[in-house]
Amino acid sequence: MFAYAVNRRSPLRLQRMVVQSAMIALLMLQVSREQAFSQTSSFTINTEPFSDNANHWYGIFDKANVVNPRPDRPKYKTTDIVEVGDNVLLYQKDNGGWPKNYDIMAVLTPEQKDSLAKAKSTLNTTFDNGTTYTHVALLAQIYAATKQDKYKESALKGLDFILQAQYKNGGWPQYFPLESNYSRHITFNDGAYIGIMRLLKDIGDNQPQFAFINEATRKKISGAYEKGLDCILKTQINDSGKPTAWCQQYDETSLQPAWARAFEPPSICNQESSDLVLFLMSIDHPSKEIIHAVEQAAAWFEASKIYNTRVKTIPAPYLKTDFRISTTDRVVVTDSTAPPIWTRYYELKTHRPLFCNRDSKVVYSLAEVARERRDGYSWYTYNPQKVLTQFPRWQKKLGLVAIRTEE
């Protein structure tokens, strides 16, 4: 009946229907584009997660970089999300990861773009300096704003890289493919591990920008996240039967504290530990094991406070080394009004504050560190105070204070 009715329609009527359908389709396309433009124009890029990469690109000339900054080149605005997104795609390597120390906001020359396109197979891909996990997160936001599939596909490729890089014990190295140096170690240093875990947690928490991820991939991500949590719990340093905090890096096989760079010895590291604990405290329904780990770390931060001490930065003569240029120095002074402070490193077993030189010689005061390292590294930190400030609220949220009062 229906087919017969259609066949009896006049050619003129059919022509009108085709024209009307085409007009409706064009109207819908225009509305879709206007909506996409509205979403795009309201989204701006947060450059903070990429600041380490940018600072290193401009501050340290690296001959290993495919491209280096050109003088007087402009930068994209934070609203230029398509242009910046295309930069991110250009920096991505064939294995799905990204190299470190480039500025995604830089307006590249045609020659620079060509060089990057030709270097896709050079797999110097890493999580160091806020790399890869930040790019995946940004691409997800750009895709949510533009609905351009190339950004979704690139983000998925980046997620696959993260999953492939994970060790069976749940940890992540600093570089992948693995290199024959300390970067093979499980790396908490400079927020690399926690950056990955926050990304996976956001996906598991169904943040809307990740709605494009299918169930099969979500299942893999959930498994990687749980393994990552387990690795964090297993690597909490236990001295004489009492858990303390964490080291910067761990041997990927034995899970024992390990050397990172020549001046980063195996030790209890309060700066990275603070980030780990804050992440554990952000989990809505923590297990008993996670609660215990947080409580023990908070007790360690309380016990390792240093009082009446302040670190001052002072002017100093110009000093140029193979590593950096310095025009300042740092000194430790006694100050009864100073808030509690912590050294970055505490010696294993003795819990003595320690420092280190580029020759890997451990010393026990900042004054014994060579000027270039003394002024060029964060030897002291206030980060544990962030944990101690939030700790009572975290306890109250979980009902732990009431439970203890009853006991």
Protein backbone atom coordinates (compact mmCIF):
# COMPACT_ATOMS: atom_id res chain seq x y z
CA MET A 1 0.00 0.00 0.00
CA PHE A 2 2.74 2.44 1.03
CA ALA A 3 4.97 1.67 -1.95
CA TYR A 4 2.01 1.94 -4.31
CA ALA A 5 1.07 5.37 -2.86
CA VAL A 6 4.60 6.67 -3.34
CA ASN A 7 4.74 5.46 -6.92
CA ARG A 8 1.55 7.39 -7.76
CA ARG A 9 2.97 10.71 -6.54
CA SER A 10 3.69 13.22 -9.30
CA PRO A 11 7.29 14.05 -10.24
CA LEU A 12 6.67 17.68 -9.21
CA ARG A 13 5.52 16.65 -5.76
CA LEU A 14 8.52 14.36 -5.34
CA GLN A 15 10.82 17.19 -6.41
CA ARG A 16 9.26 19.49 -3.79
CA MET A 17 9.75 16.83 -1.11
CA VAL A 18 13.44 16.43 -2.05
CA VAL A 19 13.97 20.21 -1.87
CA GLN A 20 12.20 20.42 1.50
CA SER A 21 14.28 17.54 2.88
CA ALA A 22 17.46 19.20 1.70
CA MET A 23 16.46 22.50 3.33
CA ILE A 24 15.68 20.74 6.62
CA ALA A 25 19.04 18.95 6.54
CA LEU A 26 20.89 22.21 5.89
CA LEU A 27 19.00 23.90 8.72
CA MET A 28 19.85 21.07 11.13
CA LEU A 29 23.51 21.21 10.06
CA GLN A 30 23.57 24.97 10.66
CA VAL A 31 22.05 24.53 14.13
CA SER A 32 24.57 21.79 14.89
CA ARG A 33 27.45 24.00 13.80
CA GLU A 34 26.14 26.91 15.85
CA GLN A 35 25.86 24.68 18.91
CA ALA A 36 29.38 23.37 18.34
CA PHE A 37 30.67 26.93 17.94
CA SER A 38 28.89 27.96 21.13
CA GLN A 39 30.47 25.07 23.04
CA THR A 40 33.88 25.77 21.52
CA SER A 41 33.79 29.48 22.26
CA SER A 42 32.85 28.90 25.93
CA PHE A 43 35.71 26.47 26.62
CA THR A 44 39.17 27.79 27.42
CA ILE A 45 42.37 25.82 27.89
CA ASN A 46 43.95 25.65 31.33
CA THR A 47 47.69 25.91 30.62
CA GLU A 48 48.80 25.14 34.20
CA PRO A 49 49.09 21.34 33.69
CA PHE A 50 51.52 22.04 30.83
CA SER A 51 53.62 24.68 32.59
CA ASP A 52 56.56 22.36 33.37
CA ASN A 53 56.77 21.32 29.74
CA ALA A 54 56.65 24.92 28.52
CA ASN A 55 59.16 26.20 31.11
CA HIS A 56 61.66 23.52 30.15
CA TRP A 57 61.19 24.20 26.43
CA TYR A 58 61.96 27.88 26.80
CA GLY A 59 64.46 27.60 29.66
CA ILE A 60 66.67 24.72 28.53
CA PHE A 61 67.90 24.35 24.95
CA ASP A 62 67.84 20.62 24.26
CA LYS A 63 69.53 19.39 21.10
CA ALA A 64 67.51 16.16 21.40
CA ASN A 65 64.27 18.08 20.84
CA VAL A 66 62.82 17.77 17.36
CA VAL A 67 62.05 21.49 17.42
CA ASN A 68 63.16 24.25 19.77
CA PRO A 69 61.60 27.68 20.34
CA ARG A 70 62.08 30.37 17.71
CA PRO A 71 62.61 33.98 18.84
CA ASP A 72 59.63 36.32 18.89
CA ARG A 73 57.09 33.66 17.93
CA PRO A 74 53.48 34.21 19.02
CA LYS A 75 51.35 31.91 21.16
CA TYR A 76 47.78 30.77 20.69
CA LYS A 77 45.11 32.18 22.96
CA THR A 78 43.48 29.84 25.47
CA THR A 79 40.30 30.06 23.37
CA ASP A 80 42.07 28.74 20.24
CA ILE A 81 41.19 25.18 21.16
CA VAL A 82 41.19 23.72 17.64
CA GLU A 83 44.63 25.14 16.86
CA VAL A 84 46.05 23.97 20.18
CA GLY A 85 44.33 20.60 19.76
CA ASP A 86 46.03 20.22 16.39
CA ASN A 87 49.37 21.03 18.05
CA VAL A 88 48.73 18.25 20.58
CA LEU A 89 47.99 15.81 17.73
CA LEU A 90 51.19 16.86 16.00
CA TYR A 91 53.34 16.17 19.06
CA GLN A 92 51.77 12.73 19.66
CA LYS A 93 53.98 9.80 18.67
CA ASP A 94 53.01 6.67 16.75
CA ASN A 95 52.69 4.64 19.97
CA GLY A 96 50.10 7.04 21.42
CA GLY A 97 52.33 8.79 23.96
CA TRP A 98 53.96 12.22 23.99
CA PRO A 99 57.52 13.49 24.45
CA LYS A 100 58.20 16.05 27.16
CA ASN A 101 59.28 19.69 27.20
CA TYR A 102 57.35 21.34 24.39
CA ASP A 103 54.89 24.24 24.57
CA ILE A 104 51.52 23.19 23.19
CA MET A 105 50.49 26.86 22.98
CA ALA A 106 53.33 27.88 20.65
CA VAL A 107 52.43 28.87 17.09
CA LEU A 108 54.75 26.64 15.09
CA THR A 109 56.28 27.45 11.73
CA PRO A 110 55.50 25.23 8.71
CA GLU A 111 59.05 23.88 8.94
CA GLN A 112 58.60 22.96 12.62
CA LYS A 113 55.31 21.21 11.86
CA ASP A 114 56.97 19.27 9.07
CA SER A 115 59.82 18.20 11.36
CA LEU A 116 57.39 16.97 14.02
CA ALA A 117 55.35 15.04 11.46
CA LYS A 118 58.51 13.27 10.24
CA ALA A 119 59.56 12.33 13.82
CA LYS A 120 56.41 10.41 14.76
CA SER A 121 58.30 7.12 14.97
CA THR A 122 60.88 8.42 17.47
CA LEU A 123 59.39 6.97 20.65
CA ASN A 124 60.83 9.15 23.42
CA THR A 125 57.46 9.05 25.17
CA THR A 126 57.10 9.76 28.86
CA PHE A 127 54.96 10.77 31.85
CA ASP A 128 57.63 13.13 33.18
CA ASN A 129 56.96 16.87 33.65
CA GLY A 130 53.20 16.41 33.34
CA THR A 131 53.29 14.64 30.00
CA THR A 132 50.82 12.30 28.23
CA TYR A 133 48.10 12.10 30.90
CA THR A 134 47.61 15.86 30.64
CA HIS A 135 47.39 15.64 26.85
CA VAL A 136 44.74 12.90 27.02
CA ALA A 137 42.66 14.95 29.48
CA LEU A 138 42.87 18.05 27.27
CA LEU A 139 41.94 16.14 24.11
CA ALA A 140 38.85 14.78 25.86
CA GLN A 141 37.78 18.33 26.68
CA ILE A 142 38.44 19.54 23.15
CA TYR A 143 36.46 16.64 21.70
CA ALA A 144 33.56 17.40 24.06
CA ALA A 145 33.56 20.98 22.79
CA THR A 146 34.09 20.34 19.05
CA LYS A 147 32.86 16.76 18.41
CA GLN A 148 35.72 16.36 15.93
CA ASP A 149 36.60 12.66 15.88
CA LYS A 150 40.33 13.21 15.44
CA TYR A 151 40.59 14.43 19.04
CA LYS A 152 38.62 11.47 20.41
CA GLU A 153 40.75 9.00 18.44
CA SER A 154 43.95 10.63 19.67
CA ALA A 155 42.74 10.54 23.30
CA LEU A 156 41.85 6.85 23.00
CA LYS A 157 45.27 6.13 21.52
CA GLY A 158 46.84 7.95 24.47
CA LEU A 159 44.80 5.92 26.95
CA ASP A 160 45.90 2.72 25.25
CA PHE A 161 49.52 3.87 25.64
CA ILE A 162 48.98 4.41 29.38
CA LEU A 163 47.48 0.94 29.78
CA GLN A 164 50.34 -0.68 27.85
CA ALA A 165 52.98 1.14 29.91
CA GLN A 166 51.69 -0.17 33.26
CA TYR A 167 53.70 -2.91 34.98
CA LYS A 168 51.92 -6.08 36.08
CA ASN A 169 52.42 -4.99 39.70
CA GLY A 170 50.42 -1.82 38.99
CA GLY A 171 53.25 0.73 38.75
CA TRP A 172 54.25 2.97 35.87
CA PRO A 173 57.76 3.82 34.66
CA GLN A 174 58.82 7.32 33.79
CA TYR A 175 59.44 6.46 30.12
CA PHE A 176 57.81 3.92 27.85
CA PRO A 177 59.15 2.12 25.86
CA LEU A 178 61.47 1.26 28.75
CA GLU A 179 64.99 2.68 28.80
CA SER A 180 68.10 1.18 30.41
CA ASN A 181 68.37 3.67 33.28
CA TYR A 182 66.55 4.82 36.43
CA SER A 183 63.52 5.86 34.37
CA ARG A 184 62.50 2.18 34.36
CA HIS A 185 61.68 2.51 38.06
CA ILE A 186 58.13 3.05 39.29
CA THR A 187 57.97 6.84 39.38
CA PHE A 188 56.11 8.90 41.98
CA ASN A 189 58.53 11.76 41.32
CA ASP A 190 57.05 15.11 40.21
CA GLY A 191 53.49 13.82 40.24
CA ALA A 192 53.83 11.43 37.28
CA TYR A 193 52.12 8.44 38.90
CA ILE A 194 49.39 10.45 40.59
CA GLY A 195 48.73 12.36 37.38
CA ILE A 196 47.93 9.08 35.66
CA MET A 197 45.80 7.90 38.57
CA ARG A 198 43.77 11.13 38.66
CA LEU A 199 43.02 10.74 34.96
CA LEU A 200 41.86 7.14 35.43
CA LYS A 201 39.82 8.15 38.49
CA ASP A 202 38.07 10.93 36.54
CA ILE A 203 37.11 8.40 33.88
CA GLY A 204 35.86 5.96 36.53
CA ASP A 205 33.90 8.76 38.19
CA ASN A 206 32.09 9.34 34.88
CA GLN A 207 33.30 12.87 34.29
CA PRO A 208 31.24 14.06 31.28
CA GLN A 209 34.17 14.84 28.98
CA PHE A 210 34.99 11.11 28.93
CA ALA A 211 31.52 9.96 27.86
CA PHE A 212 32.93 8.76 24.51
CA ILE A 213 34.87 5.90 26.16
CA ASN A 214 33.14 2.56 25.60
CA GLU A 215 32.49 -0.09 28.26
CA ALA A 216 35.26 -2.43 27.13
CA THR A 217 37.87 0.32 27.51
CA ARG A 218 36.35 1.44 30.80
CA LYS A 219 36.75 -2.07 32.16
CA LYS A 220 40.45 -2.05 31.27
CA ILE A 221 40.85 1.39 32.85
CA SER A 222 39.11 0.24 36.03
CA GLY A 223 41.47 -2.74 36.29
CA ALA A 224 44.53 -0.51 35.76
CA TYR A 225 43.28 1.90 38.42
CA GLU A 226 42.79 -0.85 41.02
CA LYS A 227 46.25 -2.23 40.29
CA GLY A 228 47.66 1.27 40.63
CA LEU A 229 46.04 1.66 44.06
CA ASP A 230 47.41 -1.69 45.16
CA CYS A 231 50.92 -0.65 44.13
CA ILE A 232 50.66 2.56 46.16
CA LEU A 233 49.70 0.57 49.27
CA LYS A 234 52.47 -2.00 48.75
CA THR A 235 55.18 0.65 48.43
CA GLN A 236 54.47 2.60 51.63
CA ILE A 237 57.77 2.43 53.52
CA ASN A 238 57.61 0.31 56.66
CA ASP A 239 60.43 1.08 59.11
CA SER A 240 60.71 -1.27 62.09
CA GLY A 241 57.12 -2.43 61.68
CA LYS A 242 55.61 1.05 61.38
CA PRO A 243 54.40 2.48 58.06
CA THR A 244 55.71 5.96 57.26
CA ALA A 245 55.45 7.54 53.79
CA TRP A 246 56.88 6.89 50.30
CA CYS A 247 60.07 7.18 48.24
CA GLN A 248 60.25 9.02 44.93
CA GLN A 249 61.02 5.92 42.88
CA TYR A 250 60.93 2.17 43.40
CA ASP A 251 62.65 -0.77 41.76
CA GLU A 252 60.08 -2.09 39.32
CA THR A 253 60.73 -5.71 40.34
CA SER A 254 61.48 -5.71 44.07
CA LEU A 255 59.31 -2.66 44.93
CA GLN A 256 62.14 -1.38 47.13
CA PRO A 257 63.13 2.32 47.32
CA ALA A 258 65.62 3.14 44.56
CA TRP A 259 67.86 5.94 43.33
CA ALA A 260 66.38 8.32 40.81
CA ARG A 261 68.73 11.03 39.53
CA ALA A 262 72.23 11.23 41.02
CA PHE A 263 71.07 13.67 43.71
CA GLU A 264 67.79 11.83 44.51
CA PRO A 265 68.64 8.99 46.93
CA PRO A 266 66.39 6.22 48.25
CA SER A 267 64.67 7.87 51.20
CA ILE A 268 61.33 8.89 52.68
CA CYS A 269 60.24 11.74 50.44
CA ASN A 270 57.69 14.07 51.99
CA GLN A 271 56.92 16.10 48.86
CA GLU A 272 55.79 13.20 46.67
CA SER A 273 54.23 11.44 49.67
CA SER A 274 51.96 14.42 50.29
CA ASP A 275 50.57 14.19 46.76
CA LEU A 276 49.98 10.46 47.20
CA VAL A 277 48.11 10.93 50.48
CA LEU A 278 45.96 13.77 49.14
CA PHE A 279 44.98 11.51 46.27
CA LEU A 280 44.07 8.65 48.63
CA MET A 281 42.00 11.09 50.68
CA SER A 282 40.04 12.07 47.56
CA ILE A 283 38.61 8.57 47.20
CA ASP A 284 34.94 8.57 48.21
CA HIS A 285 34.68 5.07 49.65
CA PRO A 286 38.20 4.07 50.74
CA SER A 287 39.01 0.55 51.82
CA LYS A 288 40.34 -0.22 55.30
CA GLU A 289 43.81 -0.55 53.77
CA ILE A 290 43.63 2.94 52.25
CA ILE A 291 42.35 4.44 55.52
CA HIS A 292 45.21 2.82 57.43
CA ALA A 293 47.78 4.08 54.90
CA VAL A 294 46.48 7.65 55.21
CA GLU A 295 46.43 7.56 59.00
CA GLN A 296 49.98 6.23 59.22
CA ALA A 297 51.27 8.78 56.71
CA ALA A 298 49.58 11.63 58.60
CA ALA A 299 51.24 10.41 61.80
CA TRP A 300 54.59 10.40 59.98
CA PHE A 301 54.09 13.97 58.73
CA GLU A 302 53.29 15.07 62.27
CA ALA A 303 56.37 13.35 63.65
CA SER A 304 58.75 14.69 60.97
CA LYS A 305 57.89 18.39 61.38
CA ILE A 306 60.82 20.79 61.65
CA TYR A 307 60.23 23.87 63.80
CA ASN A 308 61.80 27.35 64.02
CA THR A 309 63.29 27.03 60.55
CA ARG A 310 62.93 29.08 57.40
CA VAL A 311 64.67 28.88 54.02
CA LYS A 312 65.62 32.24 52.52
CA THR A 313 66.53 32.99 48.92
CA ILE A 314 69.25 35.63 48.72
CA PRO A 315 71.08 37.38 45.86
CA ALA A 316 74.34 35.75 44.83
CA PRO A 317 77.07 36.26 42.23
CA TYR A 318 76.34 35.09 38.68
CA LEU A 319 77.15 31.40 38.33
CA LYS A 320 77.06 29.43 35.08
CA THR A 321 77.40 25.64 35.12
CA ASP A 322 76.84 22.86 32.61
CA PHE A 323 73.35 22.47 34.07
CA ARG A 324 71.98 25.96 34.67
CA ILE A 325 72.65 29.61 35.39
CA SER A 326 72.17 30.82 38.96
CA THR A 327 71.97 34.35 40.35
CA THR A 328 70.63 33.46 43.81
CA ASP A 329 71.44 31.22 46.75
CA ARG A 330 69.45 29.60 49.55
CA VAL A 331 70.25 29.61 53.24
CA VAL A 332 68.56 28.06 56.26
CA VAL A 333 67.89 30.48 59.12
CA THR A 334 66.43 30.12 62.60
CA ASP A 335 63.06 31.85 62.98
CA SER A 336 60.79 31.26 65.97
CA THR A 337 57.80 32.62 64.01
CA ALA A 338 58.21 30.21 61.09
CA PRO A 339 55.51 27.61 60.44
CA PRO A 340 56.50 23.92 60.49
CA ILE A 341 58.54 22.86 57.49
CA TRP A 342 59.83 19.51 56.20
CA THR A 343 62.89 18.48 54.25
CA ARG A 344 62.16 16.71 51.02
CA TYR A 345 64.22 13.67 52.06
CA TYR A 346 64.53 11.73 55.32
CA GLU A 347 67.05 8.93 55.69
CA LEU A 348 65.68 5.40 55.76
CA LYS A 349 65.77 3.79 59.22
CA THR A 350 67.31 6.82 61.01
CA HIS A 351 64.71 9.34 59.73
CA ARG A 352 67.42 12.01 59.68
CA PRO A 353 66.88 14.88 57.22
CA LEU A 354 69.27 14.50 54.32
CA PHE A 355 70.46 16.21 51.16
CA CYS A 356 72.58 15.13 48.22
CA ASN A 357 74.98 16.40 45.56
CA ARG A 358 75.25 15.51 41.89
CA ASP A 359 78.08 13.12 42.79
CA SER A 360 75.50 11.13 44.82
CA LYS A 361 77.26 11.98 48.07
CA VAL A 362 74.70 12.24 50.88
CA VAL A 363 75.07 15.20 53.27
CA TYR A 364 73.02 16.37 56.24
CA SER A 365 72.67 20.12 55.80
CA LEU A 366 71.70 22.39 52.91
CA ALA A 367 74.97 24.31 53.33
CA GLU A 368 76.89 21.17 52.28
CA VAL A 369 75.09 21.02 48.92
CA ALA A 370 76.90 22.61 45.98
CA ARG A 371 75.58 26.05 45.05
CA GLU A 372 74.04 24.97 41.72
CA ARG A 373 71.97 22.21 43.38
CA ARG A 374 71.33 24.15 46.58
CA ASP A 375 69.64 26.89 44.60
CA GLY A 376 68.19 24.69 41.85
CA TYR A 377 66.16 22.04 43.69
CA SER A 378 63.30 21.96 46.20
CA TRP A 379 65.06 20.60 49.30
CA TYR A 380 62.40 21.79 51.71
CA THR A 381 58.63 21.61 51.42
CA TYR A 382 55.42 22.73 53.12
CA ASN A 383 53.31 20.15 51.26
CA PRO A 384 52.68 17.84 54.27
CA GLN A 385 50.77 20.70 55.92
CA LYS A 386 48.12 20.36 53.19
CA VAL A 387 47.54 16.79 54.37
CA LEU A 388 47.50 17.69 58.07
CA THR A 389 45.03 20.52 57.42
CA GLN A 390 42.62 18.25 55.54
CA PHE A 391 43.11 15.20 57.73
CA PRO A 392 40.56 16.08 60.49
CA ARG A 393 37.91 16.91 57.88
CA TRP A 394 38.65 13.61 56.11
CA GLN A 395 38.28 11.71 59.39
CA LYS A 396 35.00 13.44 60.17
CA LYS A 397 33.65 12.72 56.67
CA LEU A 398 34.32 9.02 57.15
CA GLY A 399 33.06 8.96 60.73
CA LEU A 400 36.47 7.95 62.06
CA VAL A 401 36.57 10.55 64.83
CA ALA A 402 33.24 9.36 66.28
CA ILE A 403 34.34 5.74 66.14
CA ARG A 404 37.51 6.50 68.05
CA THR A 405 35.62 8.52 70.66
CA GLU A 406 33.32 5.54 71.31
CA GLU A 407 36.30 3.24 71.67
